[in-house]
N, C-alpha and C. Protein backbone atom coordinates (compact mmCIF):
# COMPACT_ATOMS: atom_id res chain seq x y z
N MET A 1 -3.84 -24.69 -68.83
CA MET A 1 -4.24 -25.33 -70.20
C MET A 1 -5.84 -24.88 -70.05
N ALA A 2 -6.34 -23.98 -70.82
CA ALA A 2 -8.08 -23.17 -70.95
C ALA A 2 -8.95 -25.03 -71.22
N ASP A 3 -9.48 -24.94 -70.17
CA ASP A 3 -11.05 -26.18 -70.36
C ASP A 3 -11.88 -25.71 -71.12
N THR A 4 -11.98 -26.31 -72.30
CA THR A 4 -13.74 -25.87 -72.75
C THR A 4 -14.88 -26.48 -72.28
N HIS A 5 -15.65 -25.89 -72.46
CA HIS A 5 -16.83 -26.60 -71.71
C HIS A 5 -17.48 -27.95 -71.74
N ALA A 6 -17.61 -28.24 -72.63
CA ALA A 6 -17.52 -29.80 -73.25
C ALA A 6 -16.68 -30.52 -72.53
N LEU A 7 -15.27 -30.27 -72.21
CA LEU A 7 -13.87 -30.75 -71.39
C LEU A 7 -14.14 -30.88 -70.06
N ALA A 8 -14.55 -29.52 -69.54
CA ALA A 8 -14.92 -29.56 -68.12
C ALA A 8 -16.10 -29.94 -67.57
N THR A 9 -17.08 -29.94 -68.40
CA THR A 9 -18.57 -31.21 -68.13
C THR A 9 -17.57 -32.28 -67.41
N LEU A 10 -17.63 -32.97 -68.61
CA LEU A 10 -17.10 -34.36 -68.69
C LEU A 10 -16.05 -34.73 -67.68
N VAL A 11 -14.86 -33.90 -66.98
CA VAL A 11 -14.09 -34.09 -66.22
C VAL A 11 -15.74 -33.72 -64.74
N GLN A 12 -16.04 -32.95 -64.82
CA GLN A 12 -16.86 -33.10 -63.48
C GLN A 12 -17.76 -34.15 -63.62
N ALA A 13 -18.34 -35.03 -64.37
CA ALA A 13 -18.94 -36.08 -64.85
C ALA A 13 -18.22 -37.06 -64.07
N LEU A 14 -16.98 -37.43 -65.23
CA LEU A 14 -16.53 -38.56 -64.41
C LEU A 14 -15.74 -38.51 -63.06
N LYS A 15 -15.50 -36.93 -62.13
CA LYS A 15 -15.09 -37.00 -60.71
C LYS A 15 -16.47 -37.60 -60.26
N GLY A 16 -17.59 -37.51 -60.07
CA GLY A 16 -18.51 -37.87 -59.88
C GLY A 16 -18.43 -39.23 -59.47
N LEU A 17 -17.53 -40.10 -59.62
CA LEU A 17 -17.46 -41.59 -59.78
C LEU A 17 -16.72 -41.97 -58.64
N PRO A 18 -17.08 -42.87 -57.79
CA PRO A 18 -16.53 -42.91 -56.46
C PRO A 18 -15.15 -43.55 -56.07
N GLY A 19 -14.70 -42.64 -55.79
CA GLY A 19 -13.02 -43.04 -55.59
C GLY A 19 -12.23 -42.45 -57.08
N VAL A 20 -12.91 -41.82 -57.56
CA VAL A 20 -11.61 -40.67 -58.85
C VAL A 20 -12.16 -39.38 -58.28
N GLY A 21 -10.72 -39.01 -58.67
CA GLY A 21 -10.84 -37.27 -57.88
C GLY A 21 -10.13 -36.74 -59.19
N ILE A 22 -9.87 -35.14 -58.98
CA ILE A 22 -9.84 -34.40 -60.18
C ILE A 22 -8.57 -34.79 -61.12
N LYS A 23 -7.42 -34.91 -60.33
CA LYS A 23 -6.60 -35.83 -61.87
C LYS A 23 -6.77 -36.69 -62.17
N SER A 24 -7.31 -37.88 -61.42
CA SER A 24 -8.00 -38.99 -62.30
C SER A 24 -9.01 -38.62 -63.23
N ALA A 25 -9.83 -38.05 -62.96
CA ALA A 25 -10.69 -37.14 -63.60
C ALA A 25 -10.56 -36.93 -65.14
N GLN A 26 -9.37 -35.47 -64.72
CA GLN A 26 -8.59 -35.32 -65.77
C GLN A 26 -8.25 -35.99 -66.87
N ARG A 27 -6.93 -37.46 -66.15
CA ARG A 27 -6.54 -38.31 -67.21
C ARG A 27 -7.21 -39.08 -67.83
N MET A 28 -8.66 -39.56 -67.38
CA MET A 28 -9.98 -40.49 -68.04
C MET A 28 -9.99 -39.35 -69.13
N ALA A 29 -10.25 -38.12 -68.84
CA ALA A 29 -10.81 -37.60 -69.87
C ALA A 29 -10.11 -36.95 -71.42
N PHE A 30 -8.65 -36.98 -70.78
CA PHE A 30 -7.78 -37.00 -71.91
C PHE A 30 -7.62 -38.15 -72.68
N GLN A 31 -7.19 -39.22 -72.03
CA GLN A 31 -6.89 -40.97 -72.73
C GLN A 31 -8.36 -41.03 -73.56
N LEU A 32 -9.25 -40.18 -73.11
CA LEU A 32 -10.72 -40.99 -74.05
C LEU A 32 -10.34 -40.01 -75.40
N LEU A 33 -10.04 -38.70 -75.19
CA LEU A 33 -10.77 -38.06 -76.30
C LEU A 33 -9.30 -38.14 -77.09
N GLN A 34 -8.04 -37.43 -76.39
CA GLN A 34 -6.74 -38.34 -77.16
C GLN A 34 -6.70 -39.19 -78.18
N ASN A 35 -6.69 -39.95 -77.27
CA ASN A 35 -6.11 -41.04 -77.89
C ASN A 35 -7.08 -42.61 -77.84
N ASP A 36 -8.35 -42.06 -78.06
CA ASP A 36 -8.90 -43.91 -77.89
C ASP A 36 -10.89 -42.99 -77.80
N ARG A 37 -11.16 -42.24 -79.25
CA ARG A 37 -12.43 -41.79 -79.34
C ARG A 37 -13.42 -42.62 -79.78
N ALA A 38 -12.78 -43.81 -80.36
CA ALA A 38 -13.48 -45.23 -80.38
C ALA A 38 -14.50 -45.57 -79.38
N THR A 39 -13.14 -45.59 -77.86
CA THR A 39 -14.07 -45.95 -77.09
C THR A 39 -14.61 -45.32 -75.94
N ALA A 40 -14.37 -43.87 -76.40
CA ALA A 40 -15.61 -43.26 -75.58
C ALA A 40 -16.68 -42.76 -76.46
N ARG A 41 -17.17 -43.24 -77.67
CA ARG A 41 -18.06 -43.37 -77.89
C ARG A 41 -18.76 -44.98 -77.45
N GLN A 42 -18.24 -45.56 -77.78
CA GLN A 42 -18.83 -46.64 -77.33
C GLN A 42 -19.27 -46.74 -75.65
N LEU A 43 -18.32 -46.11 -74.76
CA LEU A 43 -18.25 -45.58 -73.17
C LEU A 43 -20.22 -45.10 -73.24
N ALA A 44 -20.13 -43.76 -74.23
CA ALA A 44 -21.45 -42.91 -74.20
C ALA A 44 -23.04 -43.68 -74.50
N ALA A 45 -22.52 -44.46 -75.67
CA ALA A 45 -23.65 -45.36 -76.11
C ALA A 45 -23.86 -46.58 -74.71
N ALA A 46 -23.17 -47.05 -74.16
CA ALA A 46 -23.49 -48.28 -73.17
C ALA A 46 -24.45 -47.53 -71.92
N LEU A 47 -23.42 -46.32 -71.49
CA LEU A 47 -24.53 -45.22 -70.60
C LEU A 47 -26.29 -45.23 -70.65
N GLN A 48 -25.62 -44.23 -72.06
CA GLN A 48 -27.05 -44.06 -72.59
C GLN A 48 -28.07 -45.09 -72.49
N ASN A 49 -27.32 -46.30 -73.61
CA ASN A 49 -28.55 -47.33 -72.93
C ASN A 49 -28.74 -48.01 -71.95
N ALA A 50 -27.82 -48.11 -71.15
CA ALA A 50 -28.18 -48.22 -69.58
C ALA A 50 -29.38 -47.54 -68.81
N VAL A 51 -28.95 -46.20 -69.30
CA VAL A 51 -29.36 -45.16 -68.72
C VAL A 51 -31.04 -45.28 -69.00
N ASP A 52 -31.64 -45.55 -70.12
CA ASP A 52 -32.59 -45.73 -70.53
C ASP A 52 -33.61 -47.24 -70.55
N ASN A 53 -33.10 -48.34 -70.40
CA ASN A 53 -33.30 -49.63 -69.79
C ASN A 53 -33.21 -50.09 -68.80
N VAL A 54 -32.18 -49.78 -67.99
CA VAL A 54 -31.82 -50.51 -66.68
C VAL A 54 -33.32 -49.90 -65.86
N ARG A 55 -34.14 -51.15 -65.07
CA ARG A 55 -34.92 -50.44 -63.63
C ARG A 55 -34.24 -51.76 -62.89
N HIS A 56 -35.37 -51.10 -62.13
CA HIS A 56 -35.24 -52.04 -60.59
C HIS A 56 -36.29 -53.29 -61.21
N CYS A 57 -35.50 -54.18 -60.53
CA CYS A 57 -36.94 -55.64 -60.54
C CYS A 57 -37.83 -55.69 -59.29
N ALA A 58 -39.26 -56.01 -60.27
CA ALA A 58 -40.61 -55.67 -59.29
C ALA A 58 -40.24 -56.46 -58.14
N CYS A 59 -39.77 -57.48 -58.14
CA CYS A 59 -39.59 -58.44 -56.80
C CYS A 59 -38.46 -57.95 -55.71
N CYS A 60 -37.02 -58.15 -56.24
CA CYS A 60 -35.99 -58.02 -55.29
C CYS A 60 -35.91 -56.57 -55.61
N HIS A 61 -35.76 -56.07 -56.57
CA HIS A 61 -35.70 -54.59 -56.36
C HIS A 61 -33.87 -54.18 -57.23
N THR A 62 -33.15 -55.15 -56.99
CA THR A 62 -31.74 -55.25 -58.15
C THR A 62 -32.11 -54.84 -59.25
N PHE A 63 -30.88 -54.14 -60.26
CA PHE A 63 -31.29 -54.00 -61.63
C PHE A 63 -31.79 -55.11 -62.77
N THR A 64 -32.17 -54.38 -63.89
CA THR A 64 -32.51 -55.68 -64.22
C THR A 64 -33.35 -55.12 -65.67
N GLU A 65 -33.38 -55.42 -67.22
CA GLU A 65 -34.23 -54.80 -67.76
C GLU A 65 -35.43 -55.14 -68.10
N ALA A 66 -35.79 -56.47 -67.62
CA ALA A 66 -37.26 -56.93 -68.06
C ALA A 66 -38.26 -56.81 -66.30
N GLU A 67 -38.87 -56.46 -66.05
CA GLU A 67 -40.65 -57.00 -64.60
C GLU A 67 -39.44 -57.34 -63.77
N LEU A 68 -38.87 -58.68 -64.26
CA LEU A 68 -38.43 -59.77 -63.07
C LEU A 68 -37.22 -59.72 -63.61
N CYS A 69 -36.18 -59.92 -62.50
CA CYS A 69 -34.19 -60.31 -62.96
C CYS A 69 -34.67 -61.59 -63.36
N ASP A 70 -33.32 -62.34 -63.42
CA ASP A 70 -33.26 -63.32 -63.87
C ASP A 70 -33.38 -64.34 -62.97
N THR A 71 -32.75 -63.96 -61.63
CA THR A 71 -32.88 -64.26 -60.49
C THR A 71 -34.27 -64.80 -59.71
N CYS A 72 -34.87 -63.93 -59.53
CA CYS A 72 -36.07 -64.33 -59.48
C CYS A 72 -37.07 -64.72 -59.97
N LEU A 73 -36.57 -65.50 -61.52
CA LEU A 73 -37.51 -66.52 -62.70
C LEU A 73 -36.49 -67.37 -62.41
N ASP A 74 -35.60 -67.94 -61.80
CA ASP A 74 -35.37 -69.02 -61.37
C ASP A 74 -36.02 -70.14 -60.92
N ASP A 75 -36.35 -70.78 -61.77
CA ASP A 75 -37.94 -71.76 -60.52
C ASP A 75 -36.84 -73.02 -59.21
N ALA A 76 -35.13 -72.88 -60.17
CA ALA A 76 -34.42 -73.67 -59.11
C ALA A 76 -33.92 -73.21 -57.56
N ARG A 77 -34.05 -71.71 -57.72
CA ARG A 77 -34.04 -71.14 -56.31
C ARG A 77 -34.89 -71.48 -55.49
N ASP A 78 -34.07 -71.12 -54.42
CA ASP A 78 -34.98 -71.86 -52.79
C ASP A 78 -35.78 -70.63 -52.58
N ARG A 79 -37.52 -70.67 -52.48
CA ARG A 79 -37.81 -69.66 -52.14
C ARG A 79 -38.53 -69.07 -50.87
N THR A 80 -37.54 -70.34 -49.94
CA THR A 80 -37.99 -69.82 -48.43
C THR A 80 -36.90 -68.93 -47.76
N GLN A 81 -35.78 -69.10 -48.69
CA GLN A 81 -34.67 -67.90 -48.50
C GLN A 81 -34.43 -66.73 -48.82
N LEU A 82 -34.40 -65.65 -48.09
CA LEU A 82 -34.63 -64.00 -48.84
C LEU A 82 -33.12 -63.93 -48.19
N CYS A 83 -32.15 -63.29 -49.03
CA CYS A 83 -30.66 -62.55 -48.43
C CYS A 83 -31.08 -61.15 -48.92
N VAL A 84 -31.21 -60.81 -47.95
CA VAL A 84 -30.69 -58.96 -48.02
C VAL A 84 -29.75 -58.03 -47.68
N VAL A 85 -29.57 -57.67 -49.36
CA VAL A 85 -28.26 -57.01 -49.28
C VAL A 85 -27.98 -54.88 -49.60
N GLU A 86 -27.35 -55.09 -49.38
CA GLU A 86 -26.99 -52.82 -49.59
C GLU A 86 -27.47 -52.92 -51.10
N THR A 87 -26.90 -53.19 -51.70
CA THR A 87 -26.47 -52.99 -53.20
C THR A 87 -26.46 -54.11 -54.13
N PRO A 88 -26.75 -53.84 -55.28
CA PRO A 88 -26.49 -54.93 -56.43
C PRO A 88 -25.42 -55.43 -56.91
N ALA A 89 -24.12 -54.27 -56.41
CA ALA A 89 -22.66 -55.23 -56.32
C ALA A 89 -22.74 -56.30 -55.28
N ASP A 90 -23.24 -55.97 -53.50
CA ASP A 90 -23.31 -56.99 -52.82
C ASP A 90 -24.21 -58.35 -53.34
N GLN A 91 -24.92 -58.50 -53.60
CA GLN A 91 -25.68 -59.56 -54.33
C GLN A 91 -24.60 -60.30 -55.66
N SER A 92 -24.12 -59.42 -56.41
CA SER A 92 -23.27 -59.95 -57.52
C SER A 92 -21.93 -60.61 -56.35
N ALA A 93 -21.33 -60.35 -55.39
CA ALA A 93 -20.64 -60.94 -54.33
C ALA A 93 -21.18 -61.77 -53.93
N ILE A 94 -22.05 -62.16 -53.56
CA ILE A 94 -22.37 -63.39 -53.24
C ILE A 94 -23.36 -64.26 -54.24
N GLU A 95 -23.72 -63.74 -55.14
CA GLU A 95 -23.74 -65.00 -55.93
C GLU A 95 -22.33 -65.83 -56.89
N ARG A 96 -21.19 -64.63 -56.47
CA ARG A 96 -20.01 -65.12 -57.37
C ARG A 96 -19.41 -66.25 -56.38
N THR A 97 -20.12 -66.31 -54.83
CA THR A 97 -19.42 -67.55 -54.26
C THR A 97 -19.80 -69.21 -54.60
N ASP A 98 -21.12 -68.62 -55.57
CA ASP A 98 -21.80 -70.38 -55.99
C ASP A 98 -22.12 -71.17 -54.55
N THR A 99 -22.38 -70.47 -53.44
CA THR A 99 -22.77 -71.15 -52.23
C THR A 99 -24.40 -70.87 -52.10
N TYR A 100 -25.24 -69.67 -52.63
CA TYR A 100 -26.41 -69.33 -51.87
C TYR A 100 -27.47 -69.79 -53.11
N ARG A 101 -28.45 -70.44 -52.97
CA ARG A 101 -29.13 -70.50 -53.79
C ARG A 101 -30.88 -69.67 -53.46
N GLY A 102 -30.89 -69.16 -52.73
CA GLY A 102 -32.37 -68.40 -52.26
C GLY A 102 -32.30 -66.87 -53.20
N LEU A 103 -33.03 -66.50 -52.86
CA LEU A 103 -33.72 -65.11 -53.28
C LEU A 103 -33.12 -64.36 -52.98
N TYR A 104 -32.76 -63.12 -53.30
CA TYR A 104 -32.81 -61.89 -52.63
C TYR A 104 -33.70 -60.42 -52.70
N PHE A 105 -33.22 -59.35 -51.58
CA PHE A 105 -33.66 -57.99 -51.29
C PHE A 105 -33.12 -57.23 -51.57
N VAL A 106 -32.84 -56.23 -52.36
CA VAL A 106 -31.67 -55.30 -52.42
C VAL A 106 -32.31 -53.71 -51.96
N LEU A 107 -31.70 -53.49 -50.93
CA LEU A 107 -31.98 -52.13 -50.37
C LEU A 107 -31.89 -50.87 -51.38
N MET A 108 -30.68 -50.87 -51.92
CA MET A 108 -30.12 -50.07 -52.69
C MET A 108 -30.05 -48.73 -52.00
N GLY A 109 -29.10 -49.39 -50.43
CA GLY A 109 -28.38 -48.44 -49.67
C GLY A 109 -28.87 -48.41 -48.31
N LYS A 110 -28.47 -48.06 -47.04
CA LYS A 110 -28.50 -48.43 -46.20
C LYS A 110 -28.68 -47.60 -45.06
N LEU A 111 -29.50 -47.69 -43.90
CA LEU A 111 -29.58 -46.44 -43.06
C LEU A 111 -28.86 -45.62 -42.89
N SER A 112 -28.84 -44.04 -42.53
CA SER A 112 -28.10 -43.23 -42.37
C SER A 112 -28.50 -41.89 -41.65
N PRO A 113 -28.74 -42.03 -40.55
CA PRO A 113 -29.60 -41.08 -40.37
C PRO A 113 -28.63 -39.63 -40.20
N LEU A 114 -27.67 -39.49 -40.01
CA LEU A 114 -26.37 -38.34 -40.53
C LEU A 114 -26.84 -37.87 -41.98
N ASP A 115 -26.85 -38.39 -42.58
CA ASP A 115 -27.34 -38.18 -44.26
C ASP A 115 -28.97 -37.85 -44.83
N GLY A 116 -29.29 -38.50 -43.47
CA GLY A 116 -31.04 -38.17 -44.24
C GLY A 116 -31.72 -39.43 -44.56
N ILE A 117 -31.21 -40.54 -44.52
CA ILE A 117 -31.54 -41.40 -45.16
C ILE A 117 -31.92 -42.44 -44.14
N GLY A 118 -33.62 -42.72 -43.91
CA GLY A 118 -34.42 -43.52 -43.30
C GLY A 118 -34.93 -44.70 -43.61
N PRO A 119 -35.77 -45.50 -42.94
CA PRO A 119 -36.15 -46.29 -43.58
C PRO A 119 -37.29 -46.35 -44.63
N HIS A 120 -37.69 -45.58 -45.26
CA HIS A 120 -38.79 -44.80 -46.16
C HIS A 120 -37.83 -44.84 -47.54
N ASP A 121 -36.63 -44.38 -47.30
CA ASP A 121 -35.33 -44.19 -48.19
C ASP A 121 -35.13 -45.37 -48.58
N ILE A 122 -34.81 -46.32 -47.81
CA ILE A 122 -34.52 -47.51 -48.51
C ILE A 122 -35.01 -48.75 -48.89
N GLY A 123 -36.38 -48.33 -48.63
CA GLY A 123 -37.30 -49.54 -49.07
C GLY A 123 -38.32 -50.40 -48.09
N LEU A 124 -38.29 -50.13 -46.88
CA LEU A 124 -38.32 -51.24 -46.35
C LEU A 124 -39.68 -51.29 -45.76
N SER A 125 -40.74 -50.79 -46.51
CA SER A 125 -41.92 -50.89 -46.59
C SER A 125 -42.12 -52.24 -47.67
N LYS A 126 -40.92 -52.05 -48.41
CA LYS A 126 -41.70 -53.18 -49.92
C LYS A 126 -40.87 -54.46 -49.08
N LEU A 127 -39.75 -54.30 -48.30
CA LEU A 127 -39.40 -55.44 -47.64
C LEU A 127 -40.39 -55.88 -46.85
N LYS A 128 -40.87 -55.46 -45.83
CA LYS A 128 -41.81 -56.43 -45.28
C LYS A 128 -42.84 -56.30 -45.98
N GLN A 129 -43.42 -55.68 -47.15
CA GLN A 129 -44.34 -56.81 -48.08
C GLN A 129 -43.60 -58.49 -48.76
N ARG A 130 -42.37 -57.84 -49.54
CA ARG A 130 -41.54 -59.16 -49.75
C ARG A 130 -41.36 -60.37 -48.40
N VAL A 131 -41.64 -60.03 -47.41
CA VAL A 131 -41.04 -61.12 -46.24
C VAL A 131 -42.54 -61.84 -46.38
N GLY A 132 -43.92 -61.08 -46.56
CA GLY A 132 -44.48 -61.49 -46.17
C GLY A 132 -46.01 -62.46 -47.04
N ASP A 133 -44.99 -62.95 -48.21
CA ASP A 133 -45.41 -63.53 -49.58
C ASP A 133 -45.92 -65.18 -49.35
N GLY A 134 -45.48 -65.05 -48.28
CA GLY A 134 -46.34 -67.09 -47.23
C GLY A 134 -44.90 -67.70 -47.92
N TRP A 135 -44.06 -67.49 -48.65
CA TRP A 135 -43.45 -68.14 -49.23
C TRP A 135 -42.17 -68.34 -48.27
N VAL A 136 -41.28 -67.35 -47.81
CA VAL A 136 -40.37 -66.71 -46.94
C VAL A 136 -40.70 -67.30 -45.63
N ARG A 137 -39.44 -68.29 -45.08
CA ARG A 137 -39.12 -68.61 -44.12
C ARG A 137 -38.38 -68.15 -43.30
N GLU A 138 -36.84 -67.69 -43.94
CA GLU A 138 -35.81 -67.04 -43.25
C GLU A 138 -35.03 -66.34 -44.23
N VAL A 139 -34.89 -64.84 -43.05
CA VAL A 139 -34.35 -64.03 -43.73
C VAL A 139 -33.13 -63.73 -43.11
N ILE A 140 -31.95 -63.67 -44.61
CA ILE A 140 -30.20 -63.86 -44.48
C ILE A 140 -29.85 -62.23 -44.26
N LEU A 141 -30.00 -61.77 -42.94
CA LEU A 141 -28.79 -60.14 -43.37
C LEU A 141 -27.67 -59.84 -43.84
N ALA A 142 -27.65 -59.40 -45.02
CA ALA A 142 -25.86 -59.63 -45.43
C ALA A 142 -25.86 -58.26 -45.66
N THR A 143 -26.23 -56.97 -44.69
CA THR A 143 -25.35 -55.81 -44.89
C THR A 143 -24.28 -55.65 -44.58
N ASN A 144 -23.56 -54.66 -44.70
CA ASN A 144 -22.10 -54.38 -44.25
C ASN A 144 -21.91 -54.00 -42.88
N PHE A 145 -20.71 -54.94 -42.72
CA PHE A 145 -20.46 -54.77 -41.00
C PHE A 145 -19.95 -52.96 -40.60
N THR A 146 -20.96 -51.92 -41.27
CA THR A 146 -20.27 -50.76 -40.68
C THR A 146 -21.24 -50.12 -39.44
N ALA A 147 -21.01 -48.99 -38.94
CA ALA A 147 -21.70 -48.61 -37.94
C ALA A 147 -23.48 -48.69 -38.84
N GLU A 148 -23.37 -48.05 -40.40
CA GLU A 148 -24.84 -48.05 -40.59
C GLU A 148 -25.41 -49.31 -41.09
N GLY A 149 -24.68 -50.50 -41.77
CA GLY A 149 -24.82 -51.73 -41.94
C GLY A 149 -25.10 -52.43 -40.74
N GLU A 150 -24.89 -52.52 -39.27
CA GLU A 150 -25.16 -52.98 -38.40
C GLU A 150 -26.22 -52.13 -37.95
N ALA A 151 -26.88 -50.87 -38.21
CA ALA A 151 -28.21 -50.15 -37.73
C ALA A 151 -29.09 -50.18 -38.45
N THR A 152 -28.92 -50.84 -39.91
CA THR A 152 -29.83 -51.37 -40.77
C THR A 152 -30.40 -52.82 -40.28
N ALA A 153 -29.15 -53.59 -40.37
CA ALA A 153 -29.30 -55.24 -39.89
C ALA A 153 -30.19 -54.88 -38.63
N HIS A 154 -30.15 -54.44 -37.77
CA HIS A 154 -30.91 -54.15 -36.09
C HIS A 154 -32.55 -53.93 -36.76
N VAL A 155 -32.81 -52.85 -37.39
CA VAL A 155 -34.17 -52.25 -37.95
C VAL A 155 -34.78 -53.34 -38.80
N ILE A 156 -34.07 -53.86 -39.40
CA ILE A 156 -34.68 -55.24 -40.59
C ILE A 156 -35.16 -56.09 -39.58
N SER A 157 -34.30 -56.58 -38.65
CA SER A 157 -34.30 -57.81 -37.70
C SER A 157 -35.78 -57.71 -36.91
N GLU A 158 -35.58 -56.18 -36.33
CA GLU A 158 -36.62 -55.87 -35.36
C GLU A 158 -37.92 -56.29 -36.45
N MET A 159 -38.38 -55.97 -37.35
CA MET A 159 -39.03 -56.02 -37.93
C MET A 159 -39.35 -57.53 -38.70
N ILE A 160 -38.28 -58.13 -38.63
CA ILE A 160 -39.09 -59.41 -39.12
C ILE A 160 -39.18 -60.21 -38.95
N ARG A 161 -38.78 -59.91 -37.13
CA ARG A 161 -38.89 -61.47 -35.64
C ARG A 161 -40.62 -61.19 -35.89
N GLN A 162 -41.16 -59.47 -35.86
CA GLN A 162 -42.49 -59.03 -35.75
C GLN A 162 -43.46 -60.10 -36.40
N GLN A 163 -43.26 -60.76 -37.76
CA GLN A 163 -43.84 -61.27 -38.49
C GLN A 163 -43.88 -62.83 -38.29
N GLY A 164 -42.89 -63.12 -37.25
CA GLY A 164 -42.34 -64.37 -37.06
C GLY A 164 -41.79 -65.29 -37.86
N LEU A 165 -40.71 -64.89 -38.47
CA LEU A 165 -40.03 -65.60 -39.44
C LEU A 165 -38.44 -65.26 -38.73
N GLN A 166 -37.86 -66.27 -39.56
CA GLN A 166 -36.75 -66.50 -38.70
C GLN A 166 -35.14 -65.23 -38.94
N VAL A 167 -34.87 -65.14 -38.80
CA VAL A 167 -33.59 -64.03 -39.09
C VAL A 167 -32.27 -64.40 -39.06
N THR A 168 -31.36 -64.41 -39.59
CA THR A 168 -29.87 -64.98 -39.05
C THR A 168 -29.20 -63.32 -40.22
N ARG A 169 -27.46 -63.46 -39.66
CA ARG A 169 -27.05 -62.60 -40.17
C ARG A 169 -25.53 -63.51 -40.42
N LEU A 170 -25.08 -62.82 -41.35
CA LEU A 170 -23.88 -63.29 -41.75
C LEU A 170 -22.72 -63.39 -40.71
N ALA A 171 -21.80 -64.50 -41.08
CA ALA A 171 -20.94 -64.66 -39.98
C ALA A 171 -19.49 -63.81 -39.94
N ARG A 172 -19.31 -63.55 -39.12
CA ARG A 172 -17.60 -62.48 -38.83
C ARG A 172 -17.06 -63.36 -38.73
N GLY A 173 -15.57 -63.14 -39.19
CA GLY A 173 -14.34 -63.90 -38.63
C GLY A 173 -13.29 -63.54 -39.18
N VAL A 174 -12.34 -64.54 -38.82
CA VAL A 174 -10.89 -64.01 -39.62
C VAL A 174 -10.74 -64.51 -40.57
N PRO A 175 -10.35 -63.80 -41.32
CA PRO A 175 -10.25 -64.57 -43.20
C PRO A 175 -9.10 -65.45 -43.45
N ALA A 176 -9.70 -66.50 -44.13
CA ALA A 176 -8.65 -67.94 -44.48
C ALA A 176 -7.73 -67.58 -44.60
N GLY A 177 -6.71 -67.90 -44.68
CA GLY A 177 -5.08 -67.78 -44.88
C GLY A 177 -4.61 -66.44 -44.82
N SER A 178 -5.29 -65.81 -42.97
CA SER A 178 -4.49 -64.51 -42.47
C SER A 178 -4.10 -65.00 -40.95
N GLU A 179 -2.92 -64.31 -40.78
CA GLU A 179 -2.04 -64.86 -39.71
C GLU A 179 -2.91 -64.08 -38.77
N LEU A 180 -3.01 -64.24 -37.60
CA LEU A 180 -3.57 -63.44 -36.75
C LEU A 180 -3.38 -62.19 -35.98
N GLU A 181 -1.86 -62.40 -35.95
CA GLU A 181 -1.00 -61.21 -35.61
C GLU A 181 -1.10 -59.27 -36.76
N TYR A 182 -1.70 -60.14 -37.76
CA TYR A 182 -1.92 -59.16 -39.01
C TYR A 182 -3.53 -58.82 -39.01
N VAL A 183 -4.38 -59.57 -38.08
CA VAL A 183 -5.79 -59.33 -38.48
C VAL A 183 -6.30 -58.19 -37.44
N ASP A 184 -6.86 -57.33 -37.71
CA ASP A 184 -7.51 -56.12 -37.04
C ASP A 184 -7.91 -56.82 -35.65
N LEU A 185 -8.31 -55.87 -34.59
CA LEU A 185 -8.47 -56.40 -33.46
C LEU A 185 -10.17 -56.26 -32.99
N GLY A 186 -11.05 -55.59 -33.87
CA GLY A 186 -12.60 -56.08 -33.93
C GLY A 186 -12.58 -57.39 -34.63
N THR A 187 -12.23 -57.47 -35.67
CA THR A 187 -12.51 -58.73 -36.62
C THR A 187 -12.14 -60.07 -35.70
N ILE A 188 -10.99 -59.88 -35.12
CA ILE A 188 -10.74 -61.29 -33.57
C ILE A 188 -12.01 -61.52 -32.43
N ALA A 189 -12.17 -59.97 -32.04
CA ALA A 189 -13.16 -60.18 -30.91
C ALA A 189 -14.37 -60.84 -31.88
N HIS A 190 -14.61 -60.05 -32.68
CA HIS A 190 -16.39 -60.98 -33.40
C HIS A 190 -16.03 -62.46 -33.58
N ALA A 191 -14.94 -62.67 -34.02
CA ALA A 191 -14.38 -63.88 -34.43
C ALA A 191 -14.53 -64.72 -32.82
N LEU A 192 -14.22 -64.39 -31.90
CA LEU A 192 -14.04 -64.87 -30.71
C LEU A 192 -15.65 -65.22 -30.30
N VAL A 193 -16.44 -64.11 -30.19
CA VAL A 193 -17.59 -63.82 -29.85
C VAL A 193 -18.89 -64.86 -30.76
N ASP A 194 -18.54 -64.99 -32.05
CA ASP A 194 -19.38 -66.01 -33.09
C ASP A 194 -18.66 -67.31 -33.25
N ARG A 195 -18.05 -67.65 -32.49
CA ARG A 195 -17.27 -68.86 -33.25
C ARG A 195 -18.27 -70.06 -32.77
N ARG A 196 -18.00 -71.04 -33.52
CA ARG A 196 -18.85 -72.05 -33.47
C ARG A 196 -17.67 -73.65 -33.20
């Protein structure tokens, strides 16, 4: 197959998405161009619109089209609680549980010295300002339970404790409905340590 420059560029762009390899990218490109050009145009327009109009919330750093996101503007939210997450996707996951009514701060990443990502790259100075607003009493660390997420939580915890605020971390444990023999040993160990 002789790729055209436009087709090769499209495949490379699609390959840049998480979890998409060269074959999947080619399959998507061929599908859009061969069978679904209307969807391809709609996708292109939606991407252009998002790139032009979506920015970071001035308060919590999540994605929004306005100066402040809807969550930060919601007067019914508990302003004494601030949940720190790595990404807007993590924030969305917590929101879908319909159990948390506080506010958020989205880091847009995690500490990763091997990748050259340090405290300034994920906005820890902005977080420090945010928690010093006089409203926040508890900072809930909801970073992922990876090595980088744990390191990020530790650094934030030390920073927040110096400001005299309560710091909590999401609990870890055995997933509901699972059988112990099929749960990984690290999860069982953390569940035993964090038992209540």
